[in-house]
Amino acid sequence: MKRVLFACALLCWPLSVQAEDSLKLHVALAAYMAAHGADLSTTMYCLGAQTCREVNPVFAPLTRQPFVAGATKMGVAALSSWLLLRAHQRHPTLTFWLAVGGATVTSAVAVHNMTSGRHQ
């Protein structure tokens, strides 16, 4: 096991020098993607339990087909993450805070979805 970890560390060592500046961004983007997954999961769960309704007029028609809703939601999240990565070279601080803000807002929506069924 130690040899595997050592090999992984050796393979990642050249990347770590380049990625030091963007490590915070990658963590923020991972949180952003996880928050979108949580939002999708909680939205589809409460829609299935009929304890909430989708208020986004663009996304609402897609919720009738869970596969399409999931692919669309996560596709948009992946595209926005990719755009943030591309913009990071020019605006590193701005892109970091946009990712943190997106993760925070989307997490709040997921928590709201999770607790909305408890009030009814």
PDB file of N, CA and C in Angstrom:
ATOM      1  N   MET A   1       0.824  -1.192   0.000  1.00  0.00           N
ATOM      2  CA  MET A   1       0.000   0.000   0.000  1.00  0.00           C
ATOM      3  C   MET A   1       0.873   1.264   0.000  1.00  0.00           C
ATOM      4  N   LYS A   2       1.964   1.216   0.776  1.00  0.00           N
ATOM      5  CA  LYS A   2       2.858   2.371   0.824  1.00  0.00           C
ATOM      6  C   LYS A   2       3.491   2.637  -0.534  1.00  0.00           C
ATOM      7  N   ARG A   3       3.786   1.570  -1.258  1.00  0.00           N
ATOM      8  CA  ARG A   3       4.389   1.724  -2.585  1.00  0.00           C
ATOM      9  C   ARG A   3       3.410   2.377  -3.563  1.00  0.00           C
ATOM     10  N   VAL A   4       2.147   2.003  -3.464  1.00  0.00           N
ATOM     11  CA  VAL A   4       1.127   2.600  -4.338  1.00  0.00           C
ATOM     12  C   VAL A   4       0.996   4.087  -4.047  1.00  0.00           C
ATOM     13  N   LEU A   5       0.931   4.454  -2.766  1.00  0.00           N
ATOM     14  CA  LEU A   5       0.845   5.867  -2.396  1.00  0.00           C
ATOM     15  C   LEU A   5       2.082   6.636  -2.842  1.00  0.00           C
ATOM     16  N   PHE A   6       3.251   6.016  -2.702  1.00  0.00           N
ATOM     17  CA  PHE A   6       4.484   6.654  -3.129  1.00  0.00           C
ATOM     18  C   PHE A   6       4.485   6.867  -4.647  1.00  0.00           C
ATOM     19  N   ALA A   7       4.035   5.867  -5.398  1.00  0.00           N
ATOM     20  CA  ALA A   7       3.971   5.991  -6.857  1.00  0.00           C
ATOM     21  C   ALA A   7       2.998   7.087  -7.263  1.00  0.00           C
ATOM     22  N   CYS A   8       1.855   7.152  -6.588  1.00  0.00           N
ATOM     23  CA  CYS A   8       0.890   8.217  -6.892  1.00  0.00           C
ATOM     24  C   CYS A   8       1.472   9.590  -6.592  1.00  0.00           C
ATOM     25  N   ALA A   9       2.198   9.687  -5.478  1.00  0.00           N
ATOM     26  CA  ALA A   9       2.827  10.964  -5.124  1.00  0.00           C
ATOM     27  C   ALA A   9       3.860  11.365  -6.164  1.00  0.00           C
ATOM     28  N   LEU A  10       4.659  10.399  -6.643  1.00  0.00           N
ATOM     29  CA  LEU A  10       5.654  10.698  -7.674  1.00  0.00           C
ATOM     30  C   LEU A  10       4.996  11.137  -8.981  1.00  0.00           C
ATOM     31  N   LEU A  11       3.902  10.492  -9.323  1.00  0.00           N
ATOM     32  CA  LEU A  11       3.211  10.863 -10.553  1.00  0.00           C
ATOM     33  C   LEU A  11       2.579  12.257 -10.455  1.00  0.00           C
ATOM     34  N   CYS A  12       2.114  12.609  -9.286  1.00  0.00           N
ATOM     35  CA  CYS A  12       1.434  13.896  -9.101  1.00  0.00           C
ATOM     36  C   CYS A  12       2.397  15.028  -8.768  1.00  0.00           C
ATOM     37  N   TRP A  13       3.646  14.708  -8.437  1.00  0.00           N
ATOM     38  CA  TRP A  13       4.585  15.735  -8.006  1.00  0.00           C
ATOM     39  C   TRP A  13       4.776  16.854  -9.033  1.00  0.00           C
ATOM     40  N   PRO A  14       4.979  16.572 -10.323  1.00  0.00           N
ATOM     41  CA  PRO A  14       5.136  17.674 -11.280  1.00  0.00           C
ATOM     42  C   PRO A  14       3.866  18.518 -11.388  1.00  0.00           C
ATOM     43  N   LEU A  15       2.714  17.904 -11.224  1.00  0.00           N
ATOM     44  CA  LEU A  15       1.466  18.647 -11.312  1.00  0.00           C
ATOM     45  C   LEU A  15       1.280  19.577 -10.127  1.00  0.00           C
ATOM     46  N   SER A  16       1.780  19.181  -8.965  1.00  0.00           N
ATOM     47  CA  SER A  16       1.552  19.980  -7.771  1.00  0.00           C
ATOM     48  C   SER A  16       2.243  21.333  -7.849  1.00  0.00           C
ATOM     49  N   VAL A  17       3.359  21.407  -8.539  1.00  0.00           N
ATOM     50  CA  VAL A  17       4.049  22.684  -8.676  1.00  0.00           C
ATOM     51  C   VAL A  17       3.202  23.644  -9.491  1.00  0.00           C
ATOM     52  N   GLN A  18       2.595  23.158 -10.545  1.00  0.00           N
ATOM     53  CA  GLN A  18       1.753  23.998 -11.376  1.00  0.00           C
ATOM     54  C   GLN A  18       0.409  24.274 -10.727  1.00  0.00           C
ATOM     55  N   ALA A  19      -0.082  23.352  -9.924  1.00  0.00           N
ATOM     56  CA  ALA A  19      -1.436  23.454  -9.401  1.00  0.00           C
ATOM     57  C   ALA A  19      -1.526  24.174  -8.069  1.00  0.00           C
ATOM     58  N   GLU A  20      -0.398  24.585  -7.477  1.00  0.00           N
ATOM     59  CA  GLU A  20      -0.470  25.248  -6.183  1.00  0.00           C
ATOM     60  C   GLU A  20      -1.387  26.463  -6.233  1.00  0.00           C
ATOM     61  N   ASP A  21      -1.290  27.235  -7.288  1.00  0.00           N
ATOM     62  CA  ASP A  21      -2.098  28.437  -7.416  1.00  0.00           C
ATOM     63  C   ASP A  21      -3.575  28.103  -7.576  1.00  0.00           C
ATOM     64  N   SER A  22      -3.876  27.007  -8.246  1.00  0.00           N
ATOM     65  CA  SER A  22      -5.264  26.701  -8.542  1.00  0.00           C
ATOM     66  C   SER A  22      -5.857  25.621  -7.643  1.00  0.00           C
ATOM     67  N   LEU A  23      -5.138  25.193  -6.614  1.00  0.00           N
ATOM     68  CA  LEU A  23      -5.666  24.166  -5.726  1.00  0.00           C
ATOM     69  C   LEU A  23      -6.957  24.634  -5.062  1.00  0.00           C
ATOM     70  N   LYS A  24      -6.971  25.872  -4.596  1.00  0.00           N
ATOM     71  CA  LYS A  24      -8.187  26.404  -3.971  1.00  0.00           C
ATOM     72  C   LYS A  24      -9.345  26.403  -4.962  1.00  0.00           C
ATOM     73  N   LEU A  25      -9.067  26.760  -6.201  1.00  0.00           N
ATOM     74  CA  LEU A  25     -10.121  26.768  -7.206  1.00  0.00           C
ATOM     75  C   LEU A  25     -10.659  25.370  -7.445  1.00  0.00           C
ATOM     76  N   HIS A  26      -9.778  24.380  -7.527  1.00  0.00           N
ATOM     77  CA  HIS A  26     -10.230  23.009  -7.760  1.00  0.00           C
ATOM     78  C   HIS A  26     -11.082  22.497  -6.601  1.00  0.00           C
ATOM     79  N   VAL A  27     -10.728  22.845  -5.389  1.00  0.00           N
ATOM     80  CA  VAL A  27     -11.539  22.463  -4.232  1.00  0.00           C
ATOM     81  C   VAL A  27     -12.900  23.161  -4.300  1.00  0.00           C
ATOM     82  N   ALA A  28     -12.891  24.440  -4.650  1.00  0.00           N
ATOM     83  CA  ALA A  28     -14.148  25.181  -4.770  1.00  0.00           C
ATOM     84  C   ALA A  28     -15.013  24.605  -5.895  1.00  0.00           C
ATOM     85  N   LEU A  29     -14.398  24.219  -7.004  1.00  0.00           N
ATOM     86  CA  LEU A  29     -15.165  23.629  -8.101  1.00  0.00           C
ATOM     87  C   LEU A  29     -15.707  22.250  -7.739  1.00  0.00           C
ATOM     88  N   ALA A  30     -14.950  21.497  -6.963  1.00  0.00           N
ATOM     89  CA  ALA A  30     -15.448  20.198  -6.496  1.00  0.00           C
ATOM     90  C   ALA A  30     -16.666  20.403  -5.593  1.00  0.00           C
ATOM     91  N   ALA A  31     -16.597  21.396  -4.722  1.00  0.00           N
ATOM     92  CA  ALA A  31     -17.750  21.714  -3.865  1.00  0.00           C
ATOM     93  C   ALA A  31     -18.927  22.190  -4.705  1.00  0.00           C
ATOM     94  N   TYR A  32     -18.638  22.963  -5.738  1.00  0.00           N
ATOM     95  CA  TYR A  32     -19.675  23.471  -6.652  1.00  0.00           C
ATOM     96  C   TYR A  32     -20.390  22.318  -7.361  1.00  0.00           C
ATOM     97  N   MET A  33     -19.621  21.364  -7.869  1.00  0.00           N
ATOM     98  CA  MET A  33     -20.228  20.214  -8.545  1.00  0.00           C
ATOM     99  C   MET A  33     -21.003  19.336  -7.564  1.00  0.00           C
ATOM    100  N   ALA A  34     -20.448  19.138  -6.374  1.00  0.00           N
ATOM    101  CA  ALA A  34     -21.147  18.342  -5.357  1.00  0.00           C
ATOM    102  C   ALA A  34     -22.456  19.014  -4.945  1.00  0.00           C
ATOM    103  N   ALA A  35     -22.444  20.328  -4.840  1.00  0.00           N
ATOM    104  CA  ALA A  35     -23.661  21.057  -4.482  1.00  0.00           C
ATOM    105  C   ALA A  35     -24.721  20.913  -5.572  1.00  0.00           C
ATOM    106  N   HIS A  36     -24.307  20.950  -6.828  1.00  0.00           N
ATOM    107  CA  HIS A  36     -25.258  20.748  -7.919  1.00  0.00           C
ATOM    108  C   HIS A  36     -25.835  19.338  -7.893  1.00  0.00           C
ATOM    109  N   GLY A  37     -25.000  18.362  -7.587  1.00  0.00           N
ATOM    110  CA  GLY A  37     -25.508  16.992  -7.456  1.00  0.00           C
ATOM    111  C   GLY A  37     -26.491  16.870  -6.315  1.00  0.00           C
ATOM    112  N   ALA A  38     -26.195  17.522  -5.189  1.00  0.00           N
ATOM    113  CA  ALA A  38     -27.106  17.495  -4.044  1.00  0.00           C
ATOM    114  C   ALA A  38     -28.410  18.209  -4.383  1.00  0.00           C
ATOM    115  N   ASP A  39     -28.320  19.322  -5.097  1.00  0.00           N
ATOM    116  CA  ASP A  39     -29.529  20.042  -5.507  1.00  0.00           C
ATOM    117  C   ASP A  39     -30.387  19.176  -6.419  1.00  0.00           C
ATOM    118  N   LEU A  40     -29.765  18.523  -7.376  1.00  0.00           N
ATOM    119  CA  LEU A  40     -30.503  17.649  -8.282  1.00  0.00           C
ATOM    120  C   LEU A  40     -31.166  16.512  -7.513  1.00  0.00           C
ATOM    121  N   SER A  41     -30.412  15.888  -6.636  1.00  0.00           N
ATOM    122  CA  SER A  41     -30.924  14.766  -5.865  1.00  0.00           C
ATOM    123  C   SER A  41     -32.107  15.177  -4.989  1.00  0.00           C
ATOM    124  N   THR A  42     -31.940  16.266  -4.249  1.00  0.00           N
ATOM    125  CA  THR A  42     -33.019  16.684  -3.355  1.00  0.00           C
ATOM    126  C   THR A  42     -34.225  17.209  -4.121  1.00  0.00           C
ATOM    127  N   THR A  43     -33.981  17.855  -5.257  1.00  0.00           N
ATOM    128  CA  THR A  43     -35.099  18.329  -6.077  1.00  0.00           C
ATOM    129  C   THR A  43     -35.916  17.156  -6.597  1.00  0.00           C
ATOM    130  N   MET A  44     -35.238  16.176  -7.166  1.00  0.00           N
ATOM    131  CA  MET A  44     -35.968  15.035  -7.717  1.00  0.00           C
ATOM    132  C   MET A  44     -36.666  14.232  -6.613  1.00  0.00           C
ATOM    133  N   TYR A  45     -36.043  14.148  -5.434  1.00  0.00           N
ATOM    134  CA  TYR A  45     -36.662  13.422  -4.326  1.00  0.00           C
ATOM    135  C   TYR A  45     -37.940  14.124  -3.862  1.00  0.00           C
ATOM    136  N   CYS A  46     -37.867  15.433  -3.642  1.00  0.00           N
ATOM    137  CA  CYS A  46     -39.066  16.108  -3.137  1.00  0.00           C
ATOM    138  C   CYS A  46     -40.135  16.231  -4.217  1.00  0.00           C
ATOM    139  N   LEU A  47     -39.738  16.270  -5.490  1.00  0.00           N
ATOM    140  CA  LEU A  47     -40.745  16.239  -6.559  1.00  0.00           C
ATOM    141  C   LEU A  47     -41.453  14.887  -6.578  1.00  0.00           C
ATOM    142  N   GLY A  48     -40.678  13.822  -6.406  1.00  0.00           N
ATOM    143  CA  GLY A  48     -41.263  12.486  -6.370  1.00  0.00           C
ATOM    144  C   GLY A  48     -42.169  12.282  -5.172  1.00  0.00           C
ATOM    145  N   ALA A  49     -41.800  12.880  -4.049  1.00  0.00           N
ATOM    146  CA  ALA A  49     -42.611  12.780  -2.840  1.00  0.00           C
ATOM    147  C   ALA A  49     -43.758  13.777  -2.855  1.00  0.00           C
ATOM    148  N   GLN A  50     -43.783  14.626  -3.863  1.00  0.00           N
ATOM    149  CA  GLN A  50     -44.807  15.665  -4.029  1.00  0.00           C
ATOM    150  C   GLN A  50     -44.869  16.603  -2.829  1.00  0.00           C
ATOM    151  N   THR A  51     -43.694  16.967  -2.317  1.00  0.00           N
ATOM    152  CA  THR A  51     -43.618  17.918  -1.214  1.00  0.00           C
ATOM    153  C   THR A  51     -43.082  19.270  -1.669  1.00  0.00           C
ATOM    154  N   CYS A  52     -42.758  19.396  -2.955  1.00  0.00           N
ATOM    155  CA  CYS A  52     -42.278  20.667  -3.489  1.00  0.00           C
ATOM    156  C   CYS A  52     -42.624  20.743  -4.969  1.00  0.00           C
ATOM    157  N   ARG A  53     -42.318  21.883  -5.555  1.00  0.00           N
ATOM    158  CA  ARG A  53     -42.471  22.051  -6.995  1.00  0.00           C
ATOM    159  C   ARG A  53     -41.269  22.831  -7.503  1.00  0.00           C
ATOM    160  N   GLU A  54     -40.923  22.602  -8.754  1.00  0.00           N
ATOM    161  CA  GLU A  54     -39.787  23.292  -9.363  1.00  0.00           C
ATOM    162  C   GLU A  54     -40.220  24.700  -9.741  1.00  0.00           C
ATOM    163  N   VAL A  55     -39.522  25.707  -9.244  1.00  0.00           N
ATOM    164  CA  VAL A  55     -39.884  27.093  -9.524  1.00  0.00           C
ATOM    165  C   VAL A  55     -39.098  27.694 -10.683  1.00  0.00           C
ATOM    166  N   ASN A  56     -38.043  27.025 -11.133  1.00  0.00           N
ATOM    167  CA  ASN A  56     -37.274  27.506 -12.275  1.00  0.00           C
ATOM    168  C   ASN A  56     -38.071  27.198 -13.543  1.00  0.00           C
ATOM    169  N   PRO A  57     -38.547  28.227 -14.257  1.00  0.00           N
ATOM    170  CA  PRO A  57     -39.389  27.976 -15.429  1.00  0.00           C
ATOM    171  C   PRO A  57     -38.662  27.264 -16.575  1.00  0.00           C
ATOM    172  N   VAL A  58     -37.358  27.364 -16.638  1.00  0.00           N
ATOM    173  CA  VAL A  58     -36.599  26.681 -17.684  1.00  0.00           C
ATOM    174  C   VAL A  58     -36.435  25.201 -17.333  1.00  0.00           C
ATOM    175  N   PHE A  59     -36.188  24.904 -16.075  1.00  0.00           N
ATOM    176  CA  PHE A  59     -35.919  23.536 -15.641  1.00  0.00           C
ATOM    177  C   PHE A  59     -37.200  22.741 -15.366  1.00  0.00           C
ATOM    178  N   ALA A  60     -38.297  23.426 -15.048  1.00  0.00           N
ATOM    179  CA  ALA A  60     -39.540  22.749 -14.649  1.00  0.00           C
ATOM    180  C   ALA A  60     -40.042  21.725 -15.673  1.00  0.00           C
ATOM    181  N   PRO A  61     -40.083  22.035 -16.976  1.00  0.00           N
ATOM    182  CA  PRO A  61     -40.572  21.028 -17.923  1.00  0.00           C
ATOM    183  C   PRO A  61     -39.693  19.771 -17.998  1.00  0.00           C
ATOM    184  N   LEU A  62     -38.424  19.919 -17.668  1.00  0.00           N
ATOM    185  CA  LEU A  62     -37.498  18.789 -17.745  1.00  0.00           C
ATOM    186  C   LEU A  62     -37.687  17.805 -16.599  1.00  0.00           C
ATOM    187  N   THR A  63     -38.317  18.234 -15.510  1.00  0.00           N
ATOM    188  CA  THR A  63     -38.434  17.373 -14.335  1.00  0.00           C
ATOM    189  C   THR A  63     -39.404  16.224 -14.538  1.00  0.00           C
ATOM    190  N   ARG A  64     -40.156  16.251 -15.613  1.00  0.00           N
ATOM    191  CA  ARG A  64     -41.060  15.132 -15.903  1.00  0.00           C
ATOM    192  C   ARG A  64     -40.285  13.901 -16.380  1.00  0.00           C
ATOM    193  N   GLN A  65     -39.061  14.130 -16.843  1.00  0.00           N
ATOM    194  CA  GLN A  65     -38.194  13.041 -17.301  1.00  0.00           C
ATOM    195  C   GLN A  65     -36.888  13.114 -16.508  1.00  0.00           C
ATOM    196  N   PRO A  66     -36.757  12.306 -15.455  1.00  0.00           N
ATOM    197  CA  PRO A  66     -35.598  12.419 -14.566  1.00  0.00           C
ATOM    198  C   PRO A  66     -34.238  12.316 -15.259  1.00  0.00           C
ATOM    199  N   PHE A  67     -34.109  11.450 -16.249  1.00  0.00           N
ATOM    200  CA  PHE A  67     -32.825  11.320 -16.934  1.00  0.00           C
ATOM    201  C   PHE A  67     -32.459  12.612 -17.647  1.00  0.00           C
ATOM    202  N   VAL A  68     -33.413  13.200 -18.338  1.00  0.00           N
ATOM    203  CA  VAL A  68     -33.166  14.453 -19.055  1.00  0.00           C
ATOM    204  C   VAL A  68     -32.854  15.565 -18.062  1.00  0.00           C
ATOM    205  N   ALA A  69     -33.577  15.593 -16.949  1.00  0.00           N
ATOM    206  CA  ALA A  69     -33.341  16.614 -15.926  1.00  0.00           C
ATOM    207  C   ALA A  69     -31.928  16.477 -15.358  1.00  0.00           C
ATOM    208  N   GLY A  70     -31.530  15.257 -15.042  1.00  0.00           N
ATOM    209  CA  GLY A  70     -30.195  15.033 -14.483  1.00  0.00           C
ATOM    210  C   GLY A  70     -29.094  15.368 -15.461  1.00  0.00           C
ATOM    211  N   ALA A  71     -29.258  14.929 -16.696  1.00  0.00           N
ATOM    212  CA  ALA A  71     -28.233  15.204 -17.707  1.00  0.00           C
ATOM    213  C   ALA A  71     -28.118  16.699 -17.972  1.00  0.00           C
ATOM    214  N   THR A  72     -29.243  17.391 -18.011  1.00  0.00           N
ATOM    215  CA  THR A  72     -29.230  18.831 -18.255  1.00  0.00           C
ATOM    216  C   THR A  72     -28.609  19.577 -17.086  1.00  0.00           C
ATOM    217  N   LYS A  73     -29.058  19.269 -15.890  1.00  0.00           N
ATOM    218  CA  LYS A  73     -28.560  19.961 -14.688  1.00  0.00           C
ATOM    219  C   LYS A  73     -27.056  19.770 -14.528  1.00  0.00           C
ATOM    220  N   MET A  74     -26.583  18.537 -14.608  1.00  0.00           N
ATOM    221  CA  MET A  74     -25.164  18.290 -14.416  1.00  0.00           C
ATOM    222  C   MET A  74     -24.348  18.737 -15.630  1.00  0.00           C
ATOM    223  N   GLY A  75     -24.945  18.715 -16.807  1.00  0.00           N
ATOM    224  CA  GLY A  75     -24.261  19.236 -17.990  1.00  0.00           C
ATOM    225  C   GLY A  75     -24.017  20.732 -17.884  1.00  0.00           C
ATOM    226  N   VAL A  76     -25.015  21.468 -17.420  1.00  0.00           N
ATOM    227  CA  VAL A  76     -24.860  22.911 -17.222  1.00  0.00           C
ATOM    228  C   VAL A  76     -23.823  23.178 -16.129  1.00  0.00           C
ATOM    229  N   ALA A  77     -23.852  22.381 -15.054  1.00  0.00           N
ATOM    230  CA  ALA A  77     -22.865  22.548 -13.982  1.00  0.00           C
ATOM    231  C   ALA A  77     -21.454  22.267 -14.497  1.00  0.00           C
ATOM    232  N   ALA A  78     -21.293  21.229 -15.299  1.00  0.00           N
ATOM    233  CA  ALA A  78     -19.973  20.900 -15.853  1.00  0.00           C
ATOM    234  C   ALA A  78     -19.496  21.991 -16.814  1.00  0.00           C
ATOM    235  N   LEU A  79     -20.392  22.491 -17.638  1.00  0.00           N
ATOM    236  CA  LEU A  79     -20.023  23.552 -18.570  1.00  0.00           C
ATOM    237  C   LEU A  79     -19.611  24.818 -17.824  1.00  0.00           C
ATOM    238  N   SER A  80     -20.352  25.180 -16.790  1.00  0.00           N
ATOM    239  CA  SER A  80     -19.987  26.378 -16.038  1.00  0.00           C
ATOM    240  C   SER A  80     -18.666  26.178 -15.288  1.00  0.00           C
ATOM    241  N   SER A  81     -18.405  24.977 -14.816  1.00  0.00           N
ATOM    242  CA  SER A  81     -17.114  24.686 -14.175  1.00  0.00           C
ATOM    243  C   SER A  81     -15.977  24.798 -15.178  1.00  0.00           C
ATOM    244  N   TRP A  82     -16.191  24.292 -16.361  1.00  0.00           N
ATOM    245  CA  TRP A  82     -15.176  24.380 -17.409  1.00  0.00           C
ATOM    246  C   TRP A  82     -14.902  25.842 -17.766  1.00  0.00           C
ATOM    247  N   LEU A  83     -15.962  26.641 -17.863  1.00  0.00           N
ATOM    248  CA  LEU A  83     -15.785  28.067 -18.162  1.00  0.00           C
ATOM    249  C   LEU A  83     -15.019  28.773 -17.045  1.00  0.00           C
ATOM    250  N   LEU A  84     -15.294  28.397 -15.800  1.00  0.00           N
ATOM    251  CA  LEU A  84     -14.543  28.982 -14.689  1.00  0.00           C
ATOM    252  C   LEU A  84     -13.070  28.590 -14.756  1.00  0.00           C
ATOM    253  N   LEU A  85     -12.795  27.351 -15.107  1.00  0.00           N
ATOM    254  CA  LEU A  85     -11.398  26.928 -15.252  1.00  0.00           C
ATOM    255  C   LEU A  85     -10.690  27.710 -16.353  1.00  0.00           C
ATOM    256  N   ARG A  86     -11.386  27.934 -17.441  1.00  0.00           N
ATOM    257  CA  ARG A  86     -10.790  28.701 -18.548  1.00  0.00           C
ATOM    258  C   ARG A  86     -10.539  30.157 -18.143  1.00  0.00           C
ATOM    259  N   ALA A  87     -11.450  30.725 -17.384  1.00  0.00           N
ATOM    260  CA  ALA A  87     -11.320  32.125 -16.963  1.00  0.00           C
ATOM    261  C   ALA A  87     -10.296  32.296 -15.848  1.00  0.00           C
ATOM    262  N   HIS A  88      -9.913  31.210 -15.213  1.00  0.00           N
ATOM    263  CA  HIS A  88      -9.005  31.282 -14.065  1.00  0.00           C
ATOM    264  C   HIS A  88      -7.646  31.864 -14.430  1.00  0.00           C
ATOM    265  N   GLN A  89      -7.193  31.658 -15.642  1.00  0.00           N
ATOM    266  CA  GLN A  89      -5.884  32.172 -16.044  1.00  0.00           C
ATOM    267  C   GLN A  89      -5.853  33.695 -16.027  1.00  0.00           C
ATOM    268  N   ARG A  90      -6.952  34.304 -16.392  1.00  0.00           N
ATOM    269  CA  ARG A  90      -7.000  35.765 -16.447  1.00  0.00           C
ATOM    270  C   ARG A  90      -7.480  36.395 -15.146  1.00  0.00           C
ATOM    271  N   HIS A  91      -8.411  35.727 -14.474  1.00  0.00           N
ATOM    272  CA  HIS A  91      -9.026  36.299 -13.269  1.00  0.00           C
ATOM    273  C   HIS A  91      -9.074  35.255 -12.152  1.00  0.00           C
ATOM    274  N   PRO A  92      -7.934  34.905 -11.573  1.00  0.00           N
ATOM    275  CA  PRO A  92      -7.927  33.816 -10.592  1.00  0.00           C
ATOM    276  C   PRO A  92      -8.759  34.093  -9.345  1.00  0.00           C
ATOM    277  N   THR A  93      -8.699  35.287  -8.811  1.00  0.00           N
ATOM    278  CA  THR A  93      -9.453  35.586  -7.594  1.00  0.00           C
ATOM    279  C   THR A  93     -10.949  35.612  -7.866  1.00  0.00           C
ATOM    280  N   LEU A  94     -11.339  36.227  -8.951  1.00  0.00           N
ATOM    281  CA  LEU A  94     -12.760  36.301  -9.301  1.00  0.00           C
ATOM    282  C   LEU A  94     -13.352  34.918  -9.533  1.00  0.00           C
ATOM    283  N   THR A  95     -12.651  34.079 -10.261  1.00  0.00           N
ATOM    284  CA  THR A  95     -13.195  32.750 -10.539  1.00  0.00           C
ATOM    285  C   THR A  95     -13.292  31.907  -9.275  1.00  0.00           C
ATOM    286  N   PHE A  96     -12.342  32.064  -8.367  1.00  0.00           N
ATOM    287  CA  PHE A  96     -12.423  31.344  -7.098  1.00  0.00           C
ATOM    288  C   PHE A  96     -13.677  31.753  -6.338  1.00  0.00           C
ATOM    289  N   TRP A  97     -13.908  33.047  -6.222  1.00  0.00           N
ATOM    290  CA  TRP A  97     -15.072  33.514  -5.457  1.00  0.00           C
ATOM    291  C   TRP A  97     -16.382  33.214  -6.165  1.00  0.00           C
ATOM    292  N   LEU A  98     -16.382  33.180  -7.480  1.00  0.00           N
ATOM    293  CA  LEU A  98     -17.588  32.759  -8.204  1.00  0.00           C
ATOM    294  C   LEU A  98     -17.907  31.293  -7.917  1.00  0.00           C
ATOM    295  N   ALA A  99     -16.883  30.451  -7.873  1.00  0.00           N
ATOM    296  CA  ALA A  99     -17.095  29.033  -7.560  1.00  0.00           C
ATOM    297  C   ALA A  99     -17.571  28.852  -6.124  1.00  0.00           C
ATOM    298  N   VAL A 100     -16.981  29.591  -5.193  1.00  0.00           N
ATOM    299  CA  VAL A 100     -17.408  29.517  -3.790  1.00  0.00           C
ATOM    300  C   VAL A 100     -18.844  30.008  -3.654  1.00  0.00           C
ATOM    301  N   GLY A 101     -19.159  31.111  -4.304  1.00  0.00           N
ATOM    302  CA  GLY A 101     -20.528  31.640  -4.256  1.00  0.00           C
ATOM    303  C   GLY A 101     -21.531  30.683  -4.860  1.00  0.00           C
ATOM    304  N   GLY A 102     -21.175  30.099  -5.992  1.00  0.00           N
ATOM    305  CA  GLY A 102     -22.064  29.125  -6.622  1.00  0.00           C
ATOM    306  C   GLY A 102     -22.287  27.898  -5.748  1.00  0.00           C
ATOM    307  N   ALA A 103     -21.232  27.423  -5.107  1.00  0.00           N
ATOM    308  CA  ALA A 103     -21.362  26.271  -4.210  1.00  0.00           C
ATOM    309  C   ALA A 103     -22.228  26.612  -3.011  1.00  0.00           C
ATOM    310  N   THR A 104     -22.065  27.818  -2.478  1.00  0.00           N
ATOM    311  CA  THR A 104     -22.840  28.233  -1.305  1.00  0.00           C
ATOM    312  C   THR A 104     -24.320  28.364  -1.634  1.00  0.00           C
ATOM    313  N   VAL A 105     -24.628  29.053  -2.720  1.00  0.00           N
ATOM    314  CA  VAL A 105     -26.027  29.258  -3.101  1.00  0.00           C
ATOM    315  C   VAL A 105     -26.692  27.929  -3.458  1.00  0.00           C
ATOM    316  N   THR A 106     -26.008  27.113  -4.224  1.00  0.00           N
ATOM    317  CA  THR A 106     -26.584  25.834  -4.632  1.00  0.00           C
ATOM    318  C   THR A 106     -26.747  24.895  -3.439  1.00  0.00           C
ATOM    319  N   SER A 107     -25.825  24.946  -2.494  1.00  0.00           N
ATOM    320  CA  SER A 107     -25.978  24.154  -1.273  1.00  0.00           C
ATOM    321  C   SER A 107     -27.179  24.614  -0.471  1.00  0.00           C
ATOM    322  N   ALA A 108     -27.388  25.920  -0.418  1.00  0.00           N
ATOM    323  CA  ALA A 108     -28.555  26.448   0.300  1.00  0.00           C
ATOM    324  C   ALA A 108     -29.849  25.986  -0.352  1.00  0.00           C
ATOM    325  N   VAL A 109     -29.868  25.927  -1.676  1.00  0.00           N
ATOM    326  CA  VAL A 109     -31.055  25.430  -2.382  1.00  0.00           C
ATOM    327  C   VAL A 109     -31.281  23.958  -2.066  1.00  0.00           C
ATOM    328  N   ALA A 110     -30.218  23.176  -2.029  1.00  0.00           N
ATOM    329  CA  ALA A 110     -30.345  21.749  -1.713  1.00  0.00           C
ATOM    330  C   ALA A 110     -30.860  21.553  -0.286  1.00  0.00           C
ATOM    331  N   VAL A 111     -30.365  22.350   0.645  1.00  0.00           N
ATOM    332  CA  VAL A 111     -30.844  22.253   2.031  1.00  0.00           C
ATOM    333  C   VAL A 111     -32.309  22.657   2.103  1.00  0.00           C
ATOM    334  N   HIS A 112     -32.680  23.695   1.380  1.00  0.00           N
ATOM    335  CA  HIS A 112     -34.085  24.105   1.342  1.00  0.00           C
ATOM    336  C   HIS A 112     -34.967  22.982   0.793  1.00  0.00           C
ATOM    337  N   ASN A 113     -34.524  22.349  -0.278  1.00  0.00           N
ATOM    338  CA  ASN A 113     -35.280  21.225  -0.844  1.00  0.00           C
ATOM    339  C   ASN A 113     -35.421  20.089   0.167  1.00  0.00           C
ATOM    340  N   MET A 114     -34.352  19.839   0.901  1.00  0.00           N
ATOM    341  CA  MET A 114     -34.341  18.745   1.850  1.00  0.00           C
ATOM    342  C   MET A 114     -35.306  19.009   3.011  1.00  0.00           C
ATOM    343  N   THR A 115     -35.412  20.243   3.414  1.00  0.00           N
ATOM    344  CA  THR A 115     -36.268  20.572   4.552  1.00  0.00           C
ATOM    345  C   THR A 115     -37.680  20.964   4.148  1.00  0.00           C
ATOM    346  N   SER A 116     -37.944  21.159   2.859  1.00  0.00           N
ATOM    347  CA  SER A 116     -39.277  21.621   2.449  1.00  0.00           C
ATOM    348  C   SER A 116     -40.361  20.586   2.727  1.00  0.00           C
ATOM    349  N   GLY A 117     -40.037  19.313   2.661  1.00  0.00           N
ATOM    350  CA  GLY A 117     -41.020  18.276   2.911  1.00  0.00           C
ATOM    351  C   GLY A 117     -41.383  18.148   4.375  1.00  0.00           C
ATOM    352  N   ARG A 118     -40.583  18.653   5.257  1.00  0.00           N
ATOM    353  CA  ARG A 118     -40.831  18.525   6.684  1.00  0.00           C
ATOM    354  C   ARG A 118     -41.905  19.484   7.177  1.00  0.00           C
ATOM    355  N   HIS A 119     -42.157  20.538   6.413  1.00  0.00           N
ATOM    356  CA  HIS A 119     -43.124  21.548   6.849  1.00  0.00           C
ATOM    357  C   HIS A 119     -44.538  21.203   6.442  1.00  0.00           C
ATOM    358  N   GLN A 120     -44.700  20.217   5.615  1.00  0.00           N
ATOM    359  CA  GLN A 120     -46.056  19.892   5.132  1.00  0.00           C
ATOM    360  C   GLN A 120     -46.583  18.663   5.797  1.00  0.00           C
TER     361      GLN A 120
END
